[in-house]
PDB file of N, CA and C in Angstrom:
ATOM      1  N   MET A   1     146.992  -9.901 -44.211  1.00  0.00           N
ATOM      2  CA  MET A   1     146.437  -9.917 -45.549  1.00  0.00           C
ATOM      3  C   MET A   1     145.375 -10.998 -45.686  1.00  0.00           C
ATOM      4  N   ALA A   2     145.649 -12.185 -45.131  1.00  0.00           N
ATOM      5  CA  ALA A   2     144.695 -13.280 -45.247  1.00  0.00           C
ATOM      6  C   ALA A   2     143.375 -12.918 -44.586  1.00  0.00           C
ATOM      7  N   GLU A   3     143.441 -12.186 -43.477  1.00  0.00           N
ATOM      8  CA  GLU A   3     142.226 -11.776 -42.769  1.00  0.00           C
ATOM      9  C   GLU A   3     141.380 -10.845 -43.638  1.00  0.00           C
ATOM     10  N   ALA A   4     142.031 -10.003 -44.421  1.00  0.00           N
ATOM     11  CA  ALA A   4     141.317  -9.091 -45.312  1.00  0.00           C
ATOM     12  C   ALA A   4     140.539  -9.870 -46.377  1.00  0.00           C
ATOM     13  N   PHE A   5     141.149 -10.923 -46.915  1.00  0.00           N
ATOM     14  CA  PHE A   5     140.451 -11.748 -47.909  1.00  0.00           C
ATOM     15  C   PHE A   5     139.262 -12.460 -47.285  1.00  0.00           C
ATOM     16  N   TYR A   6     139.440 -12.957 -46.071  1.00  0.00           N
ATOM     17  CA  TYR A   6     138.350 -13.654 -45.381  1.00  0.00           C
ATOM     18  C   TYR A   6     137.195 -12.683 -45.113  1.00  0.00           C
ATOM     19  N   ASN A   7     137.508 -11.493 -44.655  1.00  0.00           N
ATOM     20  CA  ASN A   7     136.462 -10.498 -44.388  1.00  0.00           C
ATOM     21  C   ASN A   7     135.736 -10.094 -45.666  1.00  0.00           C
ATOM     22  N   ALA A   8     136.475  -9.974 -46.767  1.00  0.00           N
ATOM     23  CA  ALA A   8     135.847  -9.662 -48.049  1.00  0.00           C
ATOM     24  C   ALA A   8     134.915 -10.800 -48.479  1.00  0.00           C
ATOM     25  N   TRP A   9     135.356 -12.028 -48.260  1.00  0.00           N
ATOM     26  CA  TRP A   9     134.536 -13.197 -48.580  1.00  0.00           C
ATOM     27  C   TRP A   9     133.217 -13.134 -47.806  1.00  0.00           C
ATOM     28  N   LEU A  10     133.291 -12.809 -46.525  1.00  0.00           N
ATOM     29  CA  LEU A  10     132.097 -12.758 -45.692  1.00  0.00           C
ATOM     30  C   LEU A  10     131.116 -11.682 -46.156  1.00  0.00           C
ATOM     31  N   LEU A  11     131.633 -10.608 -46.721  1.00  0.00           N
ATOM     32  CA  LEU A  11     130.752  -9.547 -47.212  1.00  0.00           C
ATOM     33  C   LEU A  11     129.921 -10.010 -48.404  1.00  0.00           C
ATOM     34  N   ILE A  12     130.483 -10.880 -49.223  1.00  0.00           N
ATOM     35  CA  ILE A  12     129.833 -11.300 -50.462  1.00  0.00           C
ATOM     36  C   ILE A  12     129.111 -12.640 -50.316  1.00  0.00           C
ATOM     37  N   MET A  13     129.744 -13.579 -49.650  1.00  0.00           N
ATOM     38  CA  MET A  13     129.228 -14.947 -49.554  1.00  0.00           C
ATOM     39  C   MET A  13     128.696 -15.207 -48.146  1.00  0.00           C
ATOM     40  N   ASP A  14     128.062 -16.350 -47.983  1.00  0.00           N
ATOM     41  CA  ASP A  14     127.637 -16.785 -46.661  1.00  0.00           C
ATOM     42  C   ASP A  14     128.858 -17.196 -45.841  1.00  0.00           C
ATOM     43  N   LYS A  15     128.688 -17.158 -44.521  1.00  0.00           N
ATOM     44  CA  LYS A  15     129.772 -17.603 -43.650  1.00  0.00           C
ATOM     45  C   LYS A  15     129.973 -19.106 -43.856  1.00  0.00           C
ATOM     46  N   PRO A  16     131.209 -19.538 -44.090  1.00  0.00           N
ATOM     47  CA  PRO A  16     131.452 -20.971 -44.319  1.00  0.00           C
ATOM     48  C   PRO A  16     131.247 -21.775 -43.031  1.00  0.00           C
ATOM     49  N   LEU A  17     130.942 -23.056 -43.195  1.00  0.00           N
ATOM     50  CA  LEU A  17     130.761 -23.926 -42.037  1.00  0.00           C
ATOM     51  C   LEU A  17     132.064 -24.109 -41.277  1.00  0.00           C
ATOM     52  N   LYS A  18     133.174 -24.168 -42.024  1.00  0.00           N
ATOM     53  CA  LYS A  18     134.486 -24.336 -41.415  1.00  0.00           C
ATOM     54  C   LYS A  18     135.441 -23.341 -42.043  1.00  0.00           C
ATOM     55  N   ARG A  19     136.361 -22.871 -41.243  1.00  0.00           N
ATOM     56  CA  ARG A  19     137.384 -21.961 -41.754  1.00  0.00           C
ATOM     57  C   ARG A  19     138.704 -22.711 -41.802  1.00  0.00           C
ATOM     58  N   LEU A  20     139.274 -22.787 -42.977  1.00  0.00           N
ATOM     59  CA  LEU A  20     140.547 -23.485 -43.157  1.00  0.00           C
ATOM     60  C   LEU A  20     141.681 -22.474 -43.165  1.00  0.00           C
ATOM     61  N   PHE A  21     142.776 -22.858 -42.551  1.00  0.00           N
ATOM     62  CA  PHE A  21     143.961 -22.016 -42.515  1.00  0.00           C
ATOM     63  C   PHE A  21     145.067 -22.694 -43.309  1.00  0.00           C
ATOM     64  N   CYS A  22     145.880 -21.916 -43.984  1.00  0.00           N
ATOM     65  CA  CYS A  22     146.988 -22.512 -44.731  1.00  0.00           C
ATOM     66  C   CYS A  22     148.044 -22.991 -43.737  1.00  0.00           C
ATOM     67  N   THR A  23     148.784 -24.012 -44.131  1.00  0.00           N
ATOM     68  CA  THR A  23     149.765 -24.616 -43.230  1.00  0.00           C
ATOM     69  C   THR A  23     150.864 -23.632 -42.837  1.00  0.00           C
ATOM     70  N   TRP A  24     151.170 -22.679 -43.710  1.00  0.00           N
ATOM     71  CA  TRP A  24     152.192 -21.690 -43.381  1.00  0.00           C
ATOM     72  C   TRP A  24     151.773 -20.862 -42.174  1.00  0.00           C
ATOM     73  N   HIS A  25     150.504 -20.411 -42.156  1.00  0.00           N
ATOM     74  CA  HIS A  25     150.011 -19.617 -41.038  1.00  0.00           C
ATOM     75  C   HIS A  25     149.937 -20.441 -39.752  1.00  0.00           C
ATOM     76  N   VAL A  26     149.517 -21.690 -39.878  1.00  0.00           N
ATOM     77  CA  VAL A  26     149.452 -22.572 -38.706  1.00  0.00           C
ATOM     78  C   VAL A  26     150.852 -22.768 -38.133  1.00  0.00           C
ATOM     79  N   ASP A  27     151.812 -23.078 -38.997  1.00  0.00           N
ATOM     80  CA  ASP A  27     153.187 -23.297 -38.563  1.00  0.00           C
ATOM     81  C   ASP A  27     153.769 -22.039 -37.913  1.00  0.00           C
ATOM     82  N   LYS A  28     153.511 -20.899 -38.491  1.00  0.00           N
ATOM     83  CA  LYS A  28     154.010 -19.634 -37.941  1.00  0.00           C
ATOM     84  C   LYS A  28     153.454 -19.406 -36.536  1.00  0.00           C
ATOM     85  N   ARG A  29     152.173 -19.658 -36.343  1.00  0.00           N
ATOM     86  CA  ARG A  29     151.545 -19.468 -35.034  1.00  0.00           C
ATOM     87  C   ARG A  29     152.120 -20.455 -34.014  1.00  0.00           C
ATOM     88  N   TRP A  30     152.329 -21.704 -34.456  1.00  0.00           N
ATOM     89  CA  TRP A  30     152.931 -22.701 -33.563  1.00  0.00           C
ATOM     90  C   TRP A  30     154.300 -22.249 -33.100  1.00  0.00           C
ATOM     91  N   ARG A  31     155.123 -21.791 -34.042  1.00  0.00           N
ATOM     92  CA  ARG A  31     156.480 -21.363 -33.687  1.00  0.00           C
ATOM     93  C   ARG A  31     156.440 -20.192 -32.701  1.00  0.00           C
ATOM     94  N   THR A  32     155.488 -19.304 -32.887  1.00  0.00           N
ATOM     95  CA  THR A  32     155.328 -18.181 -31.962  1.00  0.00           C
ATOM     96  C   THR A  32     154.980 -18.682 -30.560  1.00  0.00           C
ATOM     97  N   ASN A  33     154.058 -19.626 -30.494  1.00  0.00           N
ATOM     98  CA  ASN A  33     153.588 -20.114 -29.204  1.00  0.00           C
ATOM     99  C   ASN A  33     154.518 -21.127 -28.550  1.00  0.00           C
ATOM    100  N   LEU A  34     155.514 -21.612 -29.268  1.00  0.00           N
ATOM    101  CA  LEU A  34     156.480 -22.530 -28.671  1.00  0.00           C
ATOM    102  C   LEU A  34     157.276 -21.871 -27.545  1.00  0.00           C
ATOM    103  N   SER A  35     157.276 -20.558 -27.516  1.00  0.00           N
ATOM    104  CA  SER A  35     157.974 -19.863 -26.431  1.00  0.00           C
ATOM    105  C   SER A  35     157.352 -20.189 -25.073  1.00  0.00           C
ATOM    106  N   LYS A  36     156.125 -20.673 -25.076  1.00  0.00           N
ATOM    107  CA  LYS A  36     155.436 -21.043 -23.835  1.00  0.00           C
ATOM    108  C   LYS A  36     155.909 -22.384 -23.288  1.00  0.00           C
ATOM    109  N   VAL A  37     156.579 -23.166 -24.128  1.00  0.00           N
ATOM    110  CA  VAL A  37     157.063 -24.480 -23.719  1.00  0.00           C
ATOM    111  C   VAL A  37     158.474 -24.321 -23.155  1.00  0.00           C
ATOM    112  N   LYS A  38     158.682 -24.872 -21.978  1.00  0.00           N
ATOM    113  CA  LYS A  38     159.992 -24.754 -21.320  1.00  0.00           C
ATOM    114  C   LYS A  38     160.907 -25.895 -21.752  1.00  0.00           C
ATOM    115  N   GLY A  39     162.142 -25.579 -22.013  1.00  0.00           N
ATOM    116  CA  GLY A  39     163.143 -26.585 -22.364  1.00  0.00           C
ATOM    117  C   GLY A  39     163.281 -26.781 -23.860  1.00  0.00           C
ATOM    118  N   LYS A  40     164.516 -26.758 -24.319  1.00  0.00           N
ATOM    119  CA  LYS A  40     164.814 -26.868 -25.748  1.00  0.00           C
ATOM    120  C   LYS A  40     164.366 -28.211 -26.323  1.00  0.00           C
ATOM    121  N   GLU A  41     164.650 -29.300 -25.601  1.00  0.00           N
ATOM    122  CA  GLU A  41     164.277 -30.636 -26.083  1.00  0.00           C
ATOM    123  C   GLU A  41     162.764 -30.810 -26.130  1.00  0.00           C
ATOM    124  N   LYS A  42     162.091 -30.287 -25.116  1.00  0.00           N
ATOM    125  CA  LYS A  42     160.629 -30.403 -25.079  1.00  0.00           C
ATOM    126  C   LYS A  42     159.999 -29.590 -26.211  1.00  0.00           C
ATOM    127  N   LYS A  43     160.549 -28.402 -26.483  1.00  0.00           N
ATOM    128  CA  LYS A  43     160.059 -27.586 -27.598  1.00  0.00           C
ATOM    129  C   LYS A  43     160.177 -28.350 -28.908  1.00  0.00           C
ATOM    130  N   ALA A  44     161.333 -28.969 -29.115  1.00  0.00           N
ATOM    131  CA  ALA A  44     161.561 -29.729 -30.345  1.00  0.00           C
ATOM    132  C   ALA A  44     160.589 -30.897 -30.441  1.00  0.00           C
ATOM    133  N   SER A  45     160.352 -31.571 -29.327  1.00  0.00           N
ATOM    134  CA  SER A  45     159.441 -32.708 -29.310  1.00  0.00           C
ATOM    135  C   SER A  45     157.999 -32.283 -29.595  1.00  0.00           C
ATOM    136  N   VAL A  46     157.574 -31.197 -28.969  1.00  0.00           N
ATOM    137  CA  VAL A  46     156.212 -30.687 -29.188  1.00  0.00           C
ATOM    138  C   VAL A  46     156.034 -30.282 -30.642  1.00  0.00           C
ATOM    139  N   TYR A  47     157.002 -29.558 -31.181  1.00  0.00           N
ATOM    140  CA  TYR A  47     156.894 -29.099 -32.566  1.00  0.00           C
ATOM    141  C   TYR A  47     156.856 -30.282 -33.534  1.00  0.00           C
ATOM    142  N   LYS A  48     157.725 -31.256 -33.311  1.00  0.00           N
ATOM    143  CA  LYS A  48     157.756 -32.436 -34.184  1.00  0.00           C
ATOM    144  C   LYS A  48     156.423 -33.188 -34.129  1.00  0.00           C
ATOM    145  N   THR A  49     155.873 -33.314 -32.945  1.00  0.00           N
ATOM    146  CA  THR A  49     154.590 -34.004 -32.778  1.00  0.00           C
ATOM    147  C   THR A  49     153.472 -33.267 -33.517  1.00  0.00           C
ATOM    148  N   MET A  50     153.420 -31.960 -33.348  1.00  0.00           N
ATOM    149  CA  MET A  50     152.377 -31.175 -34.010  1.00  0.00           C
ATOM    150  C   MET A  50     152.535 -31.218 -35.533  1.00  0.00           C
ATOM    151  N   LYS A  51     153.774 -31.156 -35.985  1.00  0.00           N
ATOM    152  CA  LYS A  51     154.043 -31.196 -37.429  1.00  0.00           C
ATOM    153  C   LYS A  51     153.625 -32.550 -38.018  1.00  0.00           C
ATOM    154  N   THR A  52     153.858 -33.619 -37.267  1.00  0.00           N
ATOM    155  CA  THR A  52     153.448 -34.956 -37.710  1.00  0.00           C
ATOM    156  C   THR A  52     151.930 -35.017 -37.870  1.00  0.00           C
ATOM    157  N   LEU A  53     151.217 -34.475 -36.903  1.00  0.00           N
ATOM    158  CA  LEU A  53     149.753 -34.443 -36.995  1.00  0.00           C
ATOM    159  C   LEU A  53     149.292 -33.596 -38.179  1.00  0.00           C
ATOM    160  N   LEU A  54     149.933 -32.455 -38.366  1.00  0.00           N
ATOM    161  CA  LEU A  54     149.558 -31.554 -39.457  1.00  0.00           C
ATOM    162  C   LEU A  54     149.687 -32.233 -40.818  1.00  0.00           C
ATOM    163  N   GLU A  55     150.704 -33.059 -40.974  1.00  0.00           N
ATOM    164  CA  GLU A  55     150.985 -33.670 -42.267  1.00  0.00           C
ATOM    165  C   GLU A  55     150.240 -34.989 -42.498  1.00  0.00           C
ATOM    166  N   GLU A  56     149.542 -35.490 -41.482  1.00  0.00           N
ATOM    167  CA  GLU A  56     148.819 -36.752 -41.634  1.00  0.00           C
ATOM    168  C   GLU A  56     147.584 -36.538 -42.515  1.00  0.00           C
ATOM    169  N   ARG A  57     147.454 -37.326 -43.554  1.00  0.00           N
ATOM    170  CA  ARG A  57     146.347 -37.183 -44.511  1.00  0.00           C
ATOM    171  C   ARG A  57     145.176 -38.129 -44.227  1.00  0.00           C
ATOM    172  N   ASP A  58     145.458 -39.245 -43.587  1.00  0.00           N
ATOM    173  CA  ASP A  58     144.431 -40.241 -43.313  1.00  0.00           C
ATOM    174  C   ASP A  58     143.714 -39.879 -42.009  1.00  0.00           C
ATOM    175  N   GLU A  59     142.419 -39.626 -42.081  1.00  0.00           N
ATOM    176  CA  GLU A  59     141.656 -39.187 -40.913  1.00  0.00           C
ATOM    177  C   GLU A  59     141.697 -40.209 -39.783  1.00  0.00           C
ATOM    178  N   HIS A  60     141.589 -41.475 -40.131  1.00  0.00           N
ATOM    179  CA  HIS A  60     141.600 -42.536 -39.121  1.00  0.00           C
ATOM    180  C   HIS A  60     142.945 -42.568 -38.388  1.00  0.00           C
ATOM    181  N   VAL A  61     144.029 -42.532 -39.138  1.00  0.00           N
ATOM    182  CA  VAL A  61     145.368 -42.529 -38.543  1.00  0.00           C
ATOM    183  C   VAL A  61     145.566 -41.262 -37.712  1.00  0.00           C
ATOM    184  N   PHE A  62     145.086 -40.121 -38.217  1.00  0.00           N
ATOM    185  CA  PHE A  62     145.192 -38.867 -37.481  1.00  0.00           C
ATOM    186  C   PHE A  62     144.527 -38.989 -36.112  1.00  0.00           C
ATOM    187  N   LYS A  63     143.319 -39.515 -36.097  1.00  0.00           N
ATOM    188  CA  LYS A  63     142.590 -39.645 -34.827  1.00  0.00           C
ATOM    189  C   LYS A  63     143.327 -40.551 -33.850  1.00  0.00           C
ATOM    190  N   ILE A  64     143.868 -41.651 -34.347  1.00  0.00           N
ATOM    191  CA  ILE A  64     144.622 -42.571 -33.487  1.00  0.00           C
ATOM    192  C   ILE A  64     145.837 -41.855 -32.899  1.00  0.00           C
ATOM    193  N   GLU A  65     146.585 -41.162 -33.750  1.00  0.00           N
ATOM    194  CA  GLU A  65     147.768 -40.440 -33.276  1.00  0.00           C
ATOM    195  C   GLU A  65     147.378 -39.322 -32.309  1.00  0.00           C
ATOM    196  N   PHE A  66     146.332 -38.588 -32.642  1.00  0.00           N
ATOM    197  CA  PHE A  66     145.890 -37.476 -31.797  1.00  0.00           C
ATOM    198  C   PHE A  66     145.489 -37.970 -30.407  1.00  0.00           C
ATOM    199  N   TYR A  67     144.676 -39.019 -30.360  1.00  0.00           N
ATOM    200  CA  TYR A  67     144.242 -39.523 -29.056  1.00  0.00           C
ATOM    201  C   TYR A  67     145.400 -40.123 -28.269  1.00  0.00           C
ATOM    202  N   GLY A  68     146.356 -40.717 -28.966  1.00  0.00           N
ATOM    203  CA  GLY A  68     147.551 -41.234 -28.297  1.00  0.00           C
ATOM    204  C   GLY A  68     148.369 -40.117 -27.670  1.00  0.00           C
ATOM    205  N   ILE A  69     148.524 -39.033 -28.396  1.00  0.00           N
ATOM    206  CA  ILE A  69     149.258 -37.875 -27.888  1.00  0.00           C
ATOM    207  C   ILE A  69     148.506 -37.257 -26.721  1.00  0.00           C
ATOM    208  N   GLN A  70     147.209 -37.121 -26.888  1.00  0.00           N
ATOM    209  CA  GLN A  70     146.370 -36.544 -25.831  1.00  0.00           C
ATOM    210  C   GLN A  70     146.460 -37.389 -24.553  1.00  0.00           C
ATOM    211  N   TRP A  71     146.386 -38.699 -24.693  1.00  0.00           N
ATOM    212  CA  TRP A  71     146.490 -39.596 -23.540  1.00  0.00           C
ATOM    213  C   TRP A  71     147.859 -39.461 -22.889  1.00  0.00           C
ATOM    214  N   GLY A  72     148.900 -39.395 -23.713  1.00  0.00           N
ATOM    215  CA  GLY A  72     150.249 -39.252 -23.185  1.00  0.00           C
ATOM    216  C   GLY A  72     150.433 -37.957 -22.409  1.00  0.00           C
ATOM    217  N   LEU A  73     149.860 -36.871 -22.918  1.00  0.00           N
ATOM    218  CA  LEU A  73     149.962 -35.595 -22.215  1.00  0.00           C
ATOM    219  C   LEU A  73     149.191 -35.624 -20.902  1.00  0.00           C
ATOM    220  N   GLN A  74     148.012 -36.229 -20.921  1.00  0.00           N
ATOM    221  CA  GLN A  74     147.219 -36.314 -19.676  1.00  0.00           C
ATOM    222  C   GLN A  74     147.922 -37.150 -18.632  1.00  0.00           C
ATOM    223  N   SER A  75     148.516 -38.269 -19.044  1.00  0.00           N
ATOM    224  CA  SER A  75     149.193 -39.126 -18.080  1.00  0.00           C
ATOM    225  C   SER A  75     150.462 -38.462 -17.540  1.00  0.00           C
ATOM    226  N   THR A  76     151.103 -37.626 -18.363  1.00  0.00           N
ATOM    227  CA  THR A  76     152.286 -36.901 -17.917  1.00  0.00           C
ATOM    228  C   THR A  76     151.917 -35.832 -16.896  1.00  0.00           C
ATOM    229  N   CYS A  77     150.776 -35.170 -17.134  1.00  0.00           N
ATOM    230  CA  CYS A  77     150.352 -34.091 -16.237  1.00  0.00           C
ATOM    231  C   CYS A  77     149.843 -34.610 -14.900  1.00  0.00           C
ATOM    232  N   THR A  78     149.295 -35.817 -14.879  1.00  0.00           N
ATOM    233  CA  THR A  78     148.730 -36.348 -13.644  1.00  0.00           C
ATOM    234  C   THR A  78     149.740 -37.105 -12.807  1.00  0.00           C
ATOM    235  N   SER A  79     150.896 -37.436 -13.390  1.00  0.00           N
ATOM    236  CA  SER A  79     151.876 -38.203 -12.612  1.00  0.00           C
ATOM    237  C   SER A  79     152.900 -37.329 -11.948  1.00  0.00           C
TER     238      SER A  79
END
Protein backbone atom coordinates (compact mmCIF):
# COMPACT_ATOMS: atom_id res chain seq x y z
CA MET A 1 0.00 0.00 0.00
CA ALA A 2 2.78 2.43 0.89
CA GLU A 3 4.36 1.87 -2.53
CA ALA A 4 1.09 2.85 -4.20
CA PHE A 5 1.06 6.18 -2.33
CA TYR A 6 4.68 6.84 -3.28
CA ASN A 7 3.99 6.08 -6.95
CA ALA A 8 0.95 8.37 -6.89
CA TRP A 9 3.10 11.11 -5.35
CA LEU A 10 5.63 10.74 -8.16
CA LEU A 11 2.91 11.15 -10.78
CA ILE A 12 1.85 14.52 -9.35
CA MET A 13 4.94 15.95 -7.65
CA ASP A 14 8.65 16.02 -8.39
CA LYS A 15 10.77 13.13 -7.21
CA PRO A 16 11.89 13.91 -3.63
CA LEU A 17 15.59 14.26 -2.83
CA LYS A 18 15.27 11.61 -0.13
CA ARG A 19 12.74 8.88 0.45
CA LEU A 20 11.77 8.33 4.06
CA PHE A 21 10.39 5.05 5.31
CA CYS A 22 8.22 4.65 8.39
CA THR A 23 9.85 2.82 11.29
CA TRP A 24 7.26 0.04 11.12
CA HIS A 25 8.31 -0.87 7.57
CA VAL A 26 12.01 -0.65 8.45
CA ASP A 27 11.52 -2.87 11.51
CA LYS A 28 9.49 -5.39 9.51
CA ARG A 29 12.21 -5.64 6.85
CA TRP A 30 14.91 -6.04 9.52
CA ARG A 31 13.00 -8.87 11.17
CA THR A 32 12.63 -10.57 7.79
CA ASN A 33 16.34 -10.28 7.05
CA LEU A 34 17.42 -11.45 10.51
CA SER A 35 17.00 -14.97 9.18
CA LYS A 36 20.35 -14.39 7.44
CA VAL A 37 22.10 -14.02 10.79
CA LYS A 38 23.22 -17.30 12.35
CA GLY A 39 22.71 -17.92 16.05
CA LYS A 40 19.93 -16.81 18.37
CA GLU A 41 22.16 -14.61 20.55
CA LYS A 42 23.76 -12.93 17.55
CA LYS A 43 20.33 -12.24 16.02
CA ALA A 44 19.21 -10.60 19.26
CA SER A 45 22.40 -8.54 19.43
CA VAL A 46 22.14 -7.38 15.80
CA TYR A 47 18.49 -6.45 16.20
CA LYS A 48 19.12 -4.56 19.45
CA THR A 49 22.00 -2.66 17.85
CA MET A 50 19.96 -1.69 14.80
CA LYS A 51 17.00 -0.67 16.95
CA THR A 52 19.27 1.54 19.07
CA LEU A 53 20.51 3.30 15.94
CA LEU A 54 16.97 3.68 14.61
CA GLU A 55 15.81 5.39 17.79
CA GLU A 56 18.78 7.77 18.11
CA ARG A 57 17.62 11.35 17.47
CA ASP A 58 20.92 13.21 17.79
CA GLU A 59 22.81 13.10 14.47
CA HIS A 60 26.21 13.50 16.11
CA VAL A 61 25.58 10.67 18.59
CA PHE A 62 24.15 8.53 15.77
CA LYS A 63 27.31 8.94 13.70
CA ILE A 64 29.54 8.06 16.66
CA GLU A 65 27.50 4.94 17.41
CA PHE A 66 27.28 3.96 13.74
CA TYR A 67 31.02 4.26 13.14
CA GLY A 68 31.72 2.37 16.37
CA ILE A 69 29.47 -0.47 15.26
CA GLN A 70 30.97 -0.43 11.78
CA TRP A 71 34.50 -0.58 13.21
CA GLY A 72 33.51 -3.41 15.52
CA LEU A 73 32.04 -5.42 12.65
CA GLN A 74 35.12 -4.87 10.48
CA SER A 75 37.48 -5.91 13.25
CA THR A 76 35.37 -9.02 13.92
CA CYS A 77 35.41 -10.01 10.25
CA THR A 78 39.16 -9.55 9.85
CA SER A 79 40.19 -11.44 12.98
